[in-house]
C-alpha cells in the first residue's frame, strides 16, 4: 500500500497534440492490438481512432452506437467490446457488425443506472462498477458533494442473467482493473481519493482493503498496460472545501448537493495521471496545473504514446510516455 501524498514531485503532463473526434466526451479510452484506440462519445457512438502516432495518417471511424451514454470500455479476445452505459446498463458490442446486446440492465431488483467501468477475466467473469445509486450521470457532481456512499462493485459470471453485488457503500465507485495474475481487482473510489483492492483468490477472497490511499487527485478510470503498470486518470485535484464538507452531517451535504447540480461547472486547470504497480507503488505521476486538455478521465498506452480521454473535451490527447524519446 502507498500513501499518495508521499510520492515524488510530479513530472509535466504535456500533450503533443489533440485529435478531434467529431463529438464530445470520450470518457474512456482503450487500446487494441492493432494500434488503434476505442472511445465512447456523449451521443452514444463508439469510435475507433488509428494512426495516433502519425498526424498524417490519423483516422476516426464509427464502429457502433449504443443508443445511450457509453462510459467504461473493455476489449474481449473475440473482437467484442464490453460497455458500461450510464443509461442502458452493461452492454456487449460486436466490433465486426456493430450489433449491441444488453448483458444486464438490472441488479438487486432495481434498474442499472450509472454503470461506470468494467473488466473481464480470462474465465469469462465480468466485474463492473456503479458509481451512484442516488444520482444519474448528468448530476454526478451531486454524488461527490453529498458523499452518498451508494457506489458498488458487481459480478456477472458466465451464464448468469443478473449480476451479483459484491461490495456496497463505496464513495463514487469508478475505474476497475485486474492484477496481472488475476488474484485481485483494483477499484477507484473517487470520493475517497483512493484505490481499493478486492481479493478474488486465496485466503482473503471476497475481502477488500485499501490499495493506495491519499491520492493527489480524484481517481477515475483505470487501464492496465500490457506487461506494465495500471494507469490511473486523475479527473481533478483535491479540493479542501469539499473534504471539509464531507465531515458535516447528511442534511448539510444534501443541501450543498442541490446547489452543486444547478451551478455551472467548468473543470479546474489541474489534471494528471498516475501509474501504479501490483504492489500499489506509484511508479509515475504526471501533472499539469494549467491544462489545456482538462478533466482527464482515462489513459491508455498505444503505439508508444500515452493517450488521454476526457468526459469534458471533444477529442483525445496524445502525450509522450515517461522516459520515451522522440
C-alpha atoms as a PDB file:
ATOM      1  CA  UNK A   1       0.000   0.000   0.000  1.00  0.00           C
ATOM      2  CA  UNK A   2       1.218   3.515  -0.718  1.00  0.00           C
ATOM      3  CA  UNK A   3       0.332   6.919   0.640  1.00  0.00           C
ATOM      4  CA  UNK A   4      -0.196   9.052  -2.473  1.00  0.00           C
ATOM      5  CA  UNK A   5       0.835  12.218  -0.658  1.00  0.00           C
ATOM      6  CA  UNK A   6       4.293  10.751  -0.211  1.00  0.00           C
ATOM      7  CA  UNK A   7       5.094  10.287  -3.882  1.00  0.00           C
ATOM      8  CA  UNK A   8       7.875  12.168  -5.636  1.00  0.00           C
ATOM      9  CA  UNK A   9       7.174  15.513  -7.274  1.00  0.00           C
ATOM     10  CA  UNK A  10       5.172  15.020 -10.485  1.00  0.00           C
ATOM     11  CA  UNK A  11       6.632  15.434 -13.943  1.00  0.00           C
ATOM     12  CA  UNK A  12       4.926  17.571 -16.561  1.00  0.00           C
ATOM     13  CA  UNK A  13       1.922  16.201 -18.445  1.00  0.00           C
ATOM     14  CA  UNK A  14       2.120  17.943 -21.817  1.00  0.00           C
ATOM     15  CA  UNK A  15       0.067  16.726 -24.776  1.00  0.00           C
ATOM     16  CA  UNK A  16       1.913  16.724 -28.115  1.00  0.00           C
ATOM     17  CA  UNK A  17      -1.395  17.247 -29.896  1.00  0.00           C
ATOM     18  CA  UNK A  18      -5.117  16.654 -29.643  1.00  0.00           C
ATOM     19  CA  UNK A  19      -7.210  14.591 -32.041  1.00  0.00           C
ATOM     20  CA  UNK A  20     -10.802  15.809 -32.629  1.00  0.00           C
ATOM     21  CA  UNK A  21     -13.424  13.060 -32.730  1.00  0.00           C
ATOM     22  CA  UNK A  22     -16.436  14.898 -34.113  1.00  0.00           C
ATOM     23  CA  UNK A  23     -18.229  14.580 -30.790  1.00  0.00           C
ATOM     24  CA  UNK A  24     -17.835  15.346 -27.134  1.00  0.00           C
ATOM     25  CA  UNK A  25     -16.806  13.357 -24.120  1.00  0.00           C
ATOM     26  CA  UNK A  26     -14.525  10.367 -24.879  1.00  0.00           C
ATOM     27  CA  UNK A  27     -14.805   9.341 -21.224  1.00  0.00           C
ATOM     28  CA  UNK A  28     -12.833   6.081 -21.516  1.00  0.00           C
ATOM     29  CA  UNK A  29     -10.085   5.044 -23.926  1.00  0.00           C
ATOM     30  CA  UNK A  30      -8.794   1.505 -24.523  1.00  0.00           C
ATOM     31  CA  UNK A  31      -6.059   0.394 -26.902  1.00  0.00           C
ATOM     32  CA  UNK A  32      -6.459  -2.607 -29.197  1.00  0.00           C
ATOM     33  CA  UNK A  33      -3.770  -4.957 -30.525  1.00  0.00           C
ATOM     34  CA  UNK A  34      -3.695  -3.296 -33.963  1.00  0.00           C
ATOM     35  CA  UNK A  35      -2.541   0.121 -32.795  1.00  0.00           C
ATOM     36  CA  UNK A  36      -5.989   1.659 -32.552  1.00  0.00           C
ATOM     37  CA  UNK A  37      -7.839   3.259 -29.655  1.00  0.00           C
ATOM     38  CA  UNK A  38     -11.561   2.934 -28.911  1.00  0.00           C
ATOM     39  CA  UNK A  39     -13.624   5.592 -27.155  1.00  0.00           C
ATOM     40  CA  UNK A  40     -17.294   6.233 -26.405  1.00  0.00           C
ATOM     41  CA  UNK A  41     -18.863   9.640 -27.057  1.00  0.00           C
ATOM     42  CA  UNK A  42     -21.646  11.579 -25.377  1.00  0.00           C
ATOM     43  CA  UNK A  43     -24.051  10.938 -28.277  1.00  0.00           C
ATOM     44  CA  UNK A  44     -23.754   7.138 -27.932  1.00  0.00           C
ATOM     45  CA  UNK A  45     -21.229   6.490 -30.696  1.00  0.00           C
ATOM     46  CA  UNK A  46     -18.262   4.187 -30.207  1.00  0.00           C
ATOM     47  CA  UNK A  47     -15.340   5.304 -32.375  1.00  0.00           C
ATOM     48  CA  UNK A  48     -12.018   3.744 -33.305  1.00  0.00           C
ATOM     49  CA  UNK A  49      -9.038   6.041 -33.829  1.00  0.00           C
ATOM     50  CA  UNK A  50      -5.979   4.807 -35.698  1.00  0.00           C
ATOM     51  CA  UNK A  51      -2.669   6.358 -36.681  1.00  0.00           C
ATOM     52  CA  UNK A  52      -2.308   8.269 -33.429  1.00  0.00           C
ATOM     53  CA  UNK A  53       1.482   8.126 -33.693  1.00  0.00           C
ATOM     54  CA  UNK A  54       1.423   9.934 -37.064  1.00  0.00           C
ATOM     55  CA  UNK A  55      -0.746  13.045 -37.633  1.00  0.00           C
ATOM     56  CA  UNK A  56      -0.695  12.457 -41.401  1.00  0.00           C
ATOM     57  CA  UNK A  57      -2.495   9.115 -41.145  1.00  0.00           C
ATOM     58  CA  UNK A  58      -4.806   9.631 -38.174  1.00  0.00           C
ATOM     59  CA  UNK A  59      -8.357   8.497 -38.881  1.00  0.00           C
ATOM     60  CA  UNK A  60     -11.605   8.199 -36.928  1.00  0.00           C
ATOM     61  CA  UNK A  61     -14.475   5.869 -37.779  1.00  0.00           C
ATOM     62  CA  UNK A  62     -17.689   4.882 -36.006  1.00  0.00           C
ATOM     63  CA  UNK A  63     -17.864   1.182 -35.106  1.00  0.00           C
ATOM     64  CA  UNK A  64     -21.169   1.127 -33.181  1.00  0.00           C
ATOM     65  CA  UNK A  65     -23.859   3.164 -31.462  1.00  0.00           C
ATOM     66  CA  UNK A  66     -25.172   2.190 -28.031  1.00  0.00           C
ATOM     67  CA  UNK A  67     -28.299   4.346 -28.024  1.00  0.00           C
ATOM     68  CA  UNK A  68     -27.271   5.601 -24.586  1.00  0.00           C
ATOM     69  CA  UNK A  69     -24.200   7.134 -22.965  1.00  0.00           C
ATOM     70  CA  UNK A  70     -21.115   4.857 -23.064  1.00  0.00           C
ATOM     71  CA  UNK A  71     -18.591   5.172 -20.241  1.00  0.00           C
ATOM     72  CA  UNK A  72     -16.158   2.363 -19.341  1.00  0.00           C
ATOM     73  CA  UNK A  73     -14.938   0.010 -22.092  1.00  0.00           C
ATOM     74  CA  UNK A  74     -13.251  -3.411 -22.083  1.00  0.00           C
ATOM     75  CA  UNK A  75     -11.986  -5.259 -25.152  1.00  0.00           C
ATOM     76  CA  UNK A  76     -12.593  -9.009 -25.334  1.00  0.00           C
ATOM     77  CA  UNK A  77     -10.417 -11.604 -27.113  1.00  0.00           C
ATOM     78  CA  UNK A  78     -13.167 -12.389 -29.666  1.00  0.00           C
ATOM     79  CA  UNK A  79     -13.180  -8.837 -31.080  1.00  0.00           C
ATOM     80  CA  UNK A  80     -16.123  -7.744 -28.971  1.00  0.00           C
ATOM     81  CA  UNK A  81     -16.370  -4.792 -26.620  1.00  0.00           C
ATOM     82  CA  UNK A  82     -17.959  -4.569 -23.189  1.00  0.00           C
ATOM     83  CA  UNK A  83     -19.512  -1.192 -22.468  1.00  0.00           C
ATOM     84  CA  UNK A  84     -20.776   0.314 -19.239  1.00  0.00           C
ATOM     85  CA  UNK A  85     -23.587   2.518 -20.500  1.00  0.00           C
ATOM     86  CA  UNK A  86     -24.886   5.044 -17.975  1.00  0.00           C
ATOM     87  CA  UNK A  87     -28.395   4.791 -19.417  1.00  0.00           C
ATOM     88  CA  UNK A  88     -28.713   1.205 -20.680  1.00  0.00           C
ATOM     89  CA  UNK A  89     -26.595  -0.925 -18.323  1.00  0.00           C
ATOM     90  CA  UNK A  90     -23.882  -3.435 -19.220  1.00  0.00           C
ATOM     91  CA  UNK A  91     -23.598  -3.996 -22.980  1.00  0.00           C
ATOM     92  CA  UNK A  92     -21.664  -6.242 -25.352  1.00  0.00           C
ATOM     93  CA  UNK A  93     -20.891  -4.973 -28.861  1.00  0.00           C
ATOM     94  CA  UNK A  94     -19.580  -6.978 -31.805  1.00  0.00           C
ATOM     95  CA  UNK A  95     -16.922  -4.824 -33.423  1.00  0.00           C
ATOM     96  CA  UNK A  96     -17.285  -6.557 -36.794  1.00  0.00           C
ATOM     97  CA  UNK A  97     -21.030  -5.982 -37.160  1.00  0.00           C
ATOM     98  CA  UNK A  98     -21.758  -3.273 -34.578  1.00  0.00           C
ATOM     99  CA  UNK A  99     -24.560  -5.339 -33.005  1.00  0.00           C
ATOM    100  CA  UNK A 100     -25.359  -4.226 -29.454  1.00  0.00           C
ATOM    101  CA  UNK A 101     -26.599  -6.746 -26.888  1.00  0.00           C
ATOM    102  CA  UNK A 102     -27.704  -5.923 -23.338  1.00  0.00           C
ATOM    103  CA  UNK A 103     -25.992  -8.262 -20.861  1.00  0.00           C
ATOM    104  CA  UNK A 104     -27.559  -6.759 -17.755  1.00  0.00           C
ATOM    105  CA  UNK A 105     -29.914  -3.866 -17.087  1.00  0.00           C
ATOM    106  CA  UNK A 106     -30.999  -4.737 -13.539  1.00  0.00           C
ATOM    107  CA  UNK A 107     -29.246  -5.624 -10.283  1.00  0.00           C
ATOM    108  CA  UNK A 108     -30.662  -6.347  -6.837  1.00  0.00           C
ATOM    109  CA  UNK A 109     -34.158  -5.814  -8.225  1.00  0.00           C
ATOM    110  CA  UNK A 110     -33.523  -2.279  -9.486  1.00  0.00           C
ATOM    111  CA  UNK A 111     -32.598  -0.847 -12.909  1.00  0.00           C
ATOM    112  CA  UNK A 112     -28.879  -0.487 -13.548  1.00  0.00           C
ATOM    113  CA  UNK A 113     -28.013   3.174 -13.849  1.00  0.00           C
ATOM    114  CA  UNK A 114     -24.668   4.915 -13.923  1.00  0.00           C
ATOM    115  CA  UNK A 115     -22.591   1.852 -14.749  1.00  0.00           C
ATOM    116  CA  UNK A 116     -19.054   3.175 -14.772  1.00  0.00           C
ATOM    117  CA  UNK A 117     -16.167   0.807 -15.583  1.00  0.00           C
ATOM    118  CA  UNK A 118     -15.759  -2.871 -16.456  1.00  0.00           C
ATOM    119  CA  UNK A 119     -13.124  -5.608 -16.626  1.00  0.00           C
ATOM    120  CA  UNK A 120     -13.353  -9.196 -17.893  1.00  0.00           C
ATOM    121  CA  UNK A 121     -11.173 -12.012 -16.596  1.00  0.00           C
ATOM    122  CA  UNK A 122      -9.804 -14.971 -18.543  1.00  0.00           C
ATOM    123  CA  UNK A 123     -12.550 -17.297 -17.241  1.00  0.00           C
ATOM    124  CA  UNK A 124     -15.259 -15.064 -18.746  1.00  0.00           C
ATOM    125  CA  UNK A 125     -16.360 -13.489 -15.464  1.00  0.00           C
ATOM    126  CA  UNK A 126     -17.183  -9.791 -15.784  1.00  0.00           C
ATOM    127  CA  UNK A 127     -16.814  -7.284 -12.966  1.00  0.00           C
ATOM    128  CA  UNK A 128     -18.134  -3.737 -13.176  1.00  0.00           C
ATOM    129  CA  UNK A 129     -18.861  -0.706 -11.037  1.00  0.00           C
ATOM    130  CA  UNK A 130     -21.879   1.525 -10.468  1.00  0.00           C
ATOM    131  CA  UNK A 131     -20.794   4.994  -9.359  1.00  0.00           C
ATOM    132  CA  UNK A 132     -24.012   6.094  -7.665  1.00  0.00           C
ATOM    133  CA  UNK A 133     -27.484   4.811  -6.942  1.00  0.00           C
ATOM    134  CA  UNK A 134     -28.600   8.285  -5.906  1.00  0.00           C
ATOM    135  CA  UNK A 135     -27.617  10.481  -8.843  1.00  0.00           C
ATOM    136  CA  UNK A 136     -27.575   9.952 -12.627  1.00  0.00           C
ATOM    137  CA  UNK A 137     -24.532  10.711 -14.749  1.00  0.00           C
ATOM    138  CA  UNK A 138     -25.799  14.189 -15.584  1.00  0.00           C
ATOM    139  CA  UNK A 139     -25.727  15.065 -11.883  1.00  0.00           C
ATOM    140  CA  UNK A 140     -22.511  13.259 -10.966  1.00  0.00           C
ATOM    141  CA  UNK A 141     -21.226  16.256  -9.035  1.00  0.00           C
ATOM    142  CA  UNK A 142     -24.167  15.897  -6.641  1.00  0.00           C
ATOM    143  CA  UNK A 143     -22.948  12.495  -5.524  1.00  0.00           C
ATOM    144  CA  UNK A 144     -19.399  13.724  -4.917  1.00  0.00           C
ATOM    145  CA  UNK A 145     -20.716  16.659  -2.888  1.00  0.00           C
ATOM    146  CA  UNK A 146     -23.314  14.741  -0.885  1.00  0.00           C
ATOM    147  CA  UNK A 147     -20.869  11.861  -0.349  1.00  0.00           C
ATOM    148  CA  UNK A 148     -23.692   9.328  -0.604  1.00  0.00           C
ATOM    149  CA  UNK A 149     -21.627   6.141  -0.421  1.00  0.00           C
ATOM    150  CA  UNK A 150     -24.040   4.388  -2.805  1.00  0.00           C
ATOM    151  CA  UNK A 151     -21.428   3.096  -5.268  1.00  0.00           C
ATOM    152  CA  UNK A 152     -20.955  -0.646  -5.685  1.00  0.00           C
ATOM    153  CA  UNK A 153     -18.956  -3.432  -7.331  1.00  0.00           C
ATOM    154  CA  UNK A 154     -20.824  -6.171  -9.202  1.00  0.00           C
ATOM    155  CA  UNK A 155     -20.017  -9.513 -10.805  1.00  0.00           C
ATOM    156  CA  UNK A 156     -21.658 -11.202 -13.792  1.00  0.00           C
ATOM    157  CA  UNK A 157     -20.494 -14.808 -14.121  1.00  0.00           C
ATOM    158  CA  UNK A 158     -20.886 -16.797 -17.362  1.00  0.00           C
ATOM    159  CA  UNK A 159     -24.479 -17.980 -17.633  1.00  0.00           C
ATOM    160  CA  UNK A 160     -25.839 -15.513 -15.081  1.00  0.00           C
ATOM    161  CA  UNK A 161     -28.807 -13.373 -16.110  1.00  0.00           C
ATOM    162  CA  UNK A 162     -28.493 -10.803 -13.298  1.00  0.00           C
ATOM    163  CA  UNK A 163     -25.272  -9.528 -11.714  1.00  0.00           C
ATOM    164  CA  UNK A 164     -24.388 -10.106  -8.076  1.00  0.00           C
ATOM    165  CA  UNK A 165     -23.485  -7.165  -5.823  1.00  0.00           C
ATOM    166  CA  UNK A 166     -20.108  -7.819  -4.174  1.00  0.00           C
ATOM    167  CA  UNK A 167     -19.311  -4.528  -2.457  1.00  0.00           C
ATOM    168  CA  UNK A 168     -21.568  -1.661  -1.402  1.00  0.00           C
ATOM    169  CA  UNK A 169     -21.057   1.615   0.426  1.00  0.00           C
ATOM    170  CA  UNK A 170     -18.400   2.874  -1.970  1.00  0.00           C
ATOM    171  CA  UNK A 171     -17.849   6.593  -2.441  1.00  0.00           C
ATOM    172  CA  UNK A 172     -18.338   7.002  -6.190  1.00  0.00           C
ATOM    173  CA  UNK A 173     -17.025   3.641  -7.408  1.00  0.00           C
ATOM    174  CA  UNK A 174     -15.232   4.191 -10.683  1.00  0.00           C
ATOM    175  CA  UNK A 175     -12.310   2.634 -12.602  1.00  0.00           C
ATOM    176  CA  UNK A 176     -11.526  -1.074 -12.438  1.00  0.00           C
ATOM    177  CA  UNK A 177      -8.509  -3.230 -13.363  1.00  0.00           C
ATOM    178  CA  UNK A 178      -7.281  -6.731 -12.554  1.00  0.00           C
ATOM    179  CA  UNK A 179      -3.869  -7.651 -11.193  1.00  0.00           C
ATOM    180  CA  UNK A 180      -1.519  -9.380 -13.619  1.00  0.00           C
ATOM    181  CA  UNK A 181      -2.262 -12.803 -12.076  1.00  0.00           C
ATOM    182  CA  UNK A 182      -5.988 -12.052 -11.668  1.00  0.00           C
ATOM    183  CA  UNK A 183      -5.798 -12.673  -7.921  1.00  0.00           C
ATOM    184  CA  UNK A 184      -7.396  -9.314  -7.108  1.00  0.00           C
ATOM    185  CA  UNK A 185      -9.129  -6.300  -8.586  1.00  0.00           C
ATOM    186  CA  UNK A 186      -8.122  -2.673  -8.160  1.00  0.00           C
ATOM    187  CA  UNK A 187     -11.046  -0.251  -7.918  1.00  0.00           C
ATOM    188  CA  UNK A 188     -11.011   3.551  -7.921  1.00  0.00           C
ATOM    189  CA  UNK A 189     -13.052   5.162  -5.175  1.00  0.00           C
ATOM    190  CA  UNK A 190     -13.225   8.714  -6.485  1.00  0.00           C
ATOM    191  CA  UNK A 191     -14.937  10.247  -3.459  1.00  0.00           C
ATOM    192  CA  UNK A 192     -12.274   8.942  -1.063  1.00  0.00           C
ATOM    193  CA  UNK A 193      -9.202   9.715  -3.201  1.00  0.00           C
ATOM    194  CA  UNK A 194      -8.060   6.123  -3.001  1.00  0.00           C
ATOM    195  CA  UNK A 195      -7.748   2.780  -4.754  1.00  0.00           C
ATOM    196  CA  UNK A 196      -9.267  -0.337  -3.203  1.00  0.00           C
ATOM    197  CA  UNK A 197      -8.108  -3.930  -3.582  1.00  0.00           C
ATOM    198  CA  UNK A 198     -10.770  -6.641  -3.777  1.00  0.00           C
ATOM    199  CA  UNK A 199      -9.349 -10.155  -3.405  1.00  0.00           C
ATOM    200  CA  UNK A 200     -10.595 -12.800  -5.833  1.00  0.00           C
ATOM    201  CA  UNK A 201      -8.467 -15.772  -4.737  1.00  0.00           C
ATOM    202  CA  UNK A 202      -6.594 -17.030  -1.700  1.00  0.00           C
ATOM    203  CA  UNK A 203      -7.478 -16.855   1.998  1.00  0.00           C
ATOM    204  CA  UNK A 204      -8.716 -13.258   1.717  1.00  0.00           C
ATOM    205  CA  UNK A 205     -11.033 -13.894  -1.252  1.00  0.00           C
ATOM    206  CA  UNK A 206     -14.145 -11.717  -1.028  1.00  0.00           C
ATOM    207  CA  UNK A 207     -12.473  -9.138   1.212  1.00  0.00           C
ATOM    208  CA  UNK A 208     -11.476  -5.592   0.388  1.00  0.00           C
ATOM    209  CA  UNK A 209      -8.760  -3.292   1.676  1.00  0.00           C
ATOM    210  CA  UNK A 210      -7.071  -0.028   0.816  1.00  0.00           C
ATOM    211  CA  UNK A 211      -4.564  -0.439  -2.017  1.00  0.00           C
ATOM    212  CA  UNK A 212      -3.333   3.163  -2.470  1.00  0.00           C
ATOM    213  CA  UNK A 213      -4.521   5.977  -0.240  1.00  0.00           C
ATOM    214  CA  UNK A 214      -4.444   9.753  -0.039  1.00  0.00           C
ATOM    215  CA  UNK A 215      -4.013  10.193  -3.802  1.00  0.00           C
ATOM    216  CA  UNK A 216      -3.177  13.684  -5.115  1.00  0.00           C
ATOM    217  CA  UNK A 217      -6.411  13.899  -7.107  1.00  0.00           C
ATOM    218  CA  UNK A 218      -9.715  12.225  -7.889  1.00  0.00           C
ATOM    219  CA  UNK A 219      -9.084   8.782  -9.422  1.00  0.00           C
ATOM    220  CA  UNK A 220     -11.290   7.949 -12.390  1.00  0.00           C
ATOM    221  CA  UNK A 221     -10.849   5.173 -14.976  1.00  0.00           C
ATOM    222  CA  UNK A 222      -8.095   2.561 -14.714  1.00  0.00           C
ATOM    223  CA  UNK A 223      -6.330   0.735 -17.552  1.00  0.00           C
ATOM    224  CA  UNK A 224      -3.679  -1.975 -17.302  1.00  0.00           C
ATOM    225  CA  UNK A 225      -0.824  -1.706 -19.779  1.00  0.00           C
ATOM    226  CA  UNK A 226       0.343  -4.983 -21.356  1.00  0.00           C
ATOM    227  CA  UNK A 227       3.240  -6.178 -19.162  1.00  0.00           C
ATOM    228  CA  UNK A 228       3.133  -2.813 -17.439  1.00  0.00           C
ATOM    229  CA  UNK A 229       1.515  -0.727 -14.730  1.00  0.00           C
ATOM    230  CA  UNK A 230      -2.073   0.304 -14.130  1.00  0.00           C
ATOM    231  CA  UNK A 231      -2.741   3.805 -15.411  1.00  0.00           C
ATOM    232  CA  UNK A 232      -4.962   5.893 -13.140  1.00  0.00           C
ATOM    233  CA  UNK A 233      -6.616   9.010 -14.565  1.00  0.00           C
ATOM    234  CA  UNK A 234      -6.946  11.887 -12.081  1.00  0.00           C
ATOM    235  CA  UNK A 235     -10.023  13.800 -13.229  1.00  0.00           C
ATOM    236  CA  UNK A 236      -9.449  16.723 -10.903  1.00  0.00           C
ATOM    237  CA  UNK A 237      -7.394  17.922  -7.932  1.00  0.00           C
ATOM    238  CA  UNK A 238      -8.294  17.548  -4.306  1.00  0.00           C
ATOM    239  CA  UNK A 239     -10.481  20.390  -3.040  1.00  0.00           C
ATOM    240  CA  UNK A 240     -10.081  21.297   0.627  1.00  0.00           C
ATOM    241  CA  UNK A 241     -13.552  22.834   0.938  1.00  0.00           C
ATOM    242  CA  UNK A 242     -15.126  19.625  -0.392  1.00  0.00           C
ATOM    243  CA  UNK A 243     -13.220  17.470   2.062  1.00  0.00           C
ATOM    244  CA  UNK A 244     -14.344  19.710   4.923  1.00  0.00           C
ATOM    245  CA  UNK A 245     -17.942  19.442   3.713  1.00  0.00           C
ATOM    246  CA  UNK A 246     -17.720  15.647   3.805  1.00  0.00           C
ATOM    247  CA  UNK A 247     -17.229  15.897   7.580  1.00  0.00           C
ATOM    248  CA  UNK A 248     -20.550  17.669   8.006  1.00  0.00           C
ATOM    249  CA  UNK A 249     -23.892  15.946   8.584  1.00  0.00           C
ATOM    250  CA  UNK A 250     -26.068  14.417   5.833  1.00  0.00           C
ATOM    251  CA  UNK A 251     -28.547  17.308   5.777  1.00  0.00           C
ATOM    252  CA  UNK A 252     -25.813  19.867   5.138  1.00  0.00           C
ATOM    253  CA  UNK A 253     -24.282  17.733   2.388  1.00  0.00           C
ATOM    254  CA  UNK A 254     -27.664  17.191   0.704  1.00  0.00           C
ATOM    255  CA  UNK A 255     -28.344  20.932   0.698  1.00  0.00           C
ATOM    256  CA  UNK A 256     -24.918  21.611  -0.821  1.00  0.00           C
ATOM    257  CA  UNK A 257     -25.510  18.934  -3.464  1.00  0.00           C
ATOM    258  CA  UNK A 258     -28.800  20.553  -4.531  1.00  0.00           C
ATOM    259  CA  UNK A 259     -26.885  23.760  -5.207  1.00  0.00           C
ATOM    260  CA  UNK A 260     -23.988  21.987  -6.925  1.00  0.00           C
ATOM    261  CA  UNK A 261     -26.112  20.187  -9.530  1.00  0.00           C
ATOM    262  CA  UNK A 262     -27.666  23.501 -10.618  1.00  0.00           C
ATOM    263  CA  UNK A 263     -24.464  25.531 -10.702  1.00  0.00           C
ATOM    264  CA  UNK A 264     -22.416  25.962 -13.912  1.00  0.00           C
ATOM    265  CA  UNK A 265     -19.426  23.630 -13.988  1.00  0.00           C
ATOM    266  CA  UNK A 266     -16.027  24.143 -15.563  1.00  0.00           C
ATOM    267  CA  UNK A 267     -13.154  21.753 -14.824  1.00  0.00           C
ATOM    268  CA  UNK A 268     -10.199  23.173 -12.929  1.00  0.00           C
ATOM    269  CA  UNK A 269      -6.873  23.611 -14.692  1.00  0.00           C
ATOM    270  CA  UNK A 270      -5.046  20.967 -12.669  1.00  0.00           C
ATOM    271  CA  UNK A 271      -5.222  17.459 -14.088  1.00  0.00           C
ATOM    272  CA  UNK A 272      -2.989  14.408 -14.149  1.00  0.00           C
ATOM    273  CA  UNK A 273      -2.396  10.676 -14.270  1.00  0.00           C
ATOM    274  CA  UNK A 274      -0.660   8.102 -12.103  1.00  0.00           C
ATOM    275  CA  UNK A 275       0.741   4.682 -12.865  1.00  0.00           C
ATOM    276  CA  UNK A 276       0.843   2.084 -10.080  1.00  0.00           C
ATOM    277  CA  UNK A 277       2.242  -1.443  -9.954  1.00  0.00           C
ATOM    278  CA  UNK A 278       0.634  -4.512  -8.406  1.00  0.00           C
ATOM    279  CA  UNK A 279       2.143  -3.663  -5.021  1.00  0.00           C
ATOM    280  CA  UNK A 280       0.340  -0.330  -5.004  1.00  0.00           C
ATOM    281  CA  UNK A 281       3.541   1.651  -5.562  1.00  0.00           C
ATOM    282  CA  UNK A 282       3.241   4.802  -7.667  1.00  0.00           C
ATOM    283  CA  UNK A 283       5.767   4.456 -10.492  1.00  0.00           C
ATOM    284  CA  UNK A 284       4.727   7.551 -12.482  1.00  0.00           C
ATOM    285  CA  UNK A 285       2.972  10.781 -11.546  1.00  0.00           C
ATOM    286  CA  UNK A 286       2.298  13.216 -14.369  1.00  0.00           C
ATOM    287  CA  UNK A 287       0.545  16.517 -13.780  1.00  0.00           C
ATOM    288  CA  UNK A 288      -0.393  19.790 -15.431  1.00  0.00           C
ATOM    289  CA  UNK A 289      -1.543  22.776 -13.375  1.00  0.00           C
ATOM    290  CA  UNK A 290      -2.567  24.844 -16.407  1.00  0.00           C
ATOM    291  CA  UNK A 291      -4.019  22.135 -18.592  1.00  0.00           C
ATOM    292  CA  UNK A 292      -5.448  22.937 -21.996  1.00  0.00           C
ATOM    293  CA  UNK A 293      -6.840  19.398 -22.079  1.00  0.00           C
ATOM    294  CA  UNK A 294      -8.947  19.259 -18.935  1.00  0.00           C
ATOM    295  CA  UNK A 295     -10.650  16.666 -16.777  1.00  0.00           C
ATOM    296  CA  UNK A 296      -8.671  13.601 -17.825  1.00  0.00           C
ATOM    297  CA  UNK A 297     -10.942  10.634 -17.099  1.00  0.00           C
ATOM    298  CA  UNK A 298      -8.896   7.866 -18.772  1.00  0.00           C
ATOM    299  CA  UNK A 299      -5.443   6.960 -20.040  1.00  0.00           C
ATOM    300  CA  UNK A 300      -4.003   4.104 -22.071  1.00  0.00           C
ATOM    301  CA  UNK A 301      -0.824   3.281 -23.995  1.00  0.00           C
ATOM    302  CA  UNK A 302      -0.838   2.911 -27.776  1.00  0.00           C
ATOM    303  CA  UNK A 303       1.972   2.854 -30.336  1.00  0.00           C
ATOM    304  CA  UNK A 304       4.478   4.165 -27.808  1.00  0.00           C
ATOM    305  CA  UNK A 305       2.286   7.075 -26.716  1.00  0.00           C
ATOM    306  CA  UNK A 306       0.092   7.839 -23.739  1.00  0.00           C
ATOM    307  CA  UNK A 307      -3.462   8.572 -24.913  1.00  0.00           C
ATOM    308  CA  UNK A 308      -5.817  10.579 -22.709  1.00  0.00           C
ATOM    309  CA  UNK A 309      -9.604  10.685 -22.752  1.00  0.00           C
ATOM    310  CA  UNK A 310     -11.897  13.235 -21.123  1.00  0.00           C
ATOM    311  CA  UNK A 311     -15.603  13.416 -20.400  1.00  0.00           C
ATOM    312  CA  UNK A 312     -15.306  17.184 -20.959  1.00  0.00           C
ATOM    313  CA  UNK A 313     -13.242  17.541 -24.149  1.00  0.00           C
ATOM    314  CA  UNK A 314     -14.127  16.896 -27.795  1.00  0.00           C
ATOM    315  CA  UNK A 315     -11.102  14.766 -28.615  1.00  0.00           C
ATOM    316  CA  UNK A 316      -8.165  12.730 -27.368  1.00  0.00           C
ATOM    317  CA  UNK A 317      -4.783  13.998 -26.212  1.00  0.00           C
ATOM    318  CA  UNK A 318      -1.568  12.329 -27.387  1.00  0.00           C
ATOM    319  CA  UNK A 319       1.343  12.515 -24.927  1.00  0.00           C
ATOM    320  CA  UNK A 320       4.811  11.037 -24.593  1.00  0.00           C
ATOM    321  CA  UNK A 321       5.212   8.082 -22.270  1.00  0.00           C
ATOM    322  CA  UNK A 322       7.514   8.750 -19.311  1.00  0.00           C
ATOM    323  CA  UNK A 323      11.067   8.020 -20.380  1.00  0.00           C
ATOM    324  CA  UNK A 324      10.222   7.936 -24.096  1.00  0.00           C
ATOM    325  CA  UNK A 325      12.463   9.731 -26.561  1.00  0.00           C
ATOM    326  CA  UNK A 326      11.304  11.207 -29.865  1.00  0.00           C
END
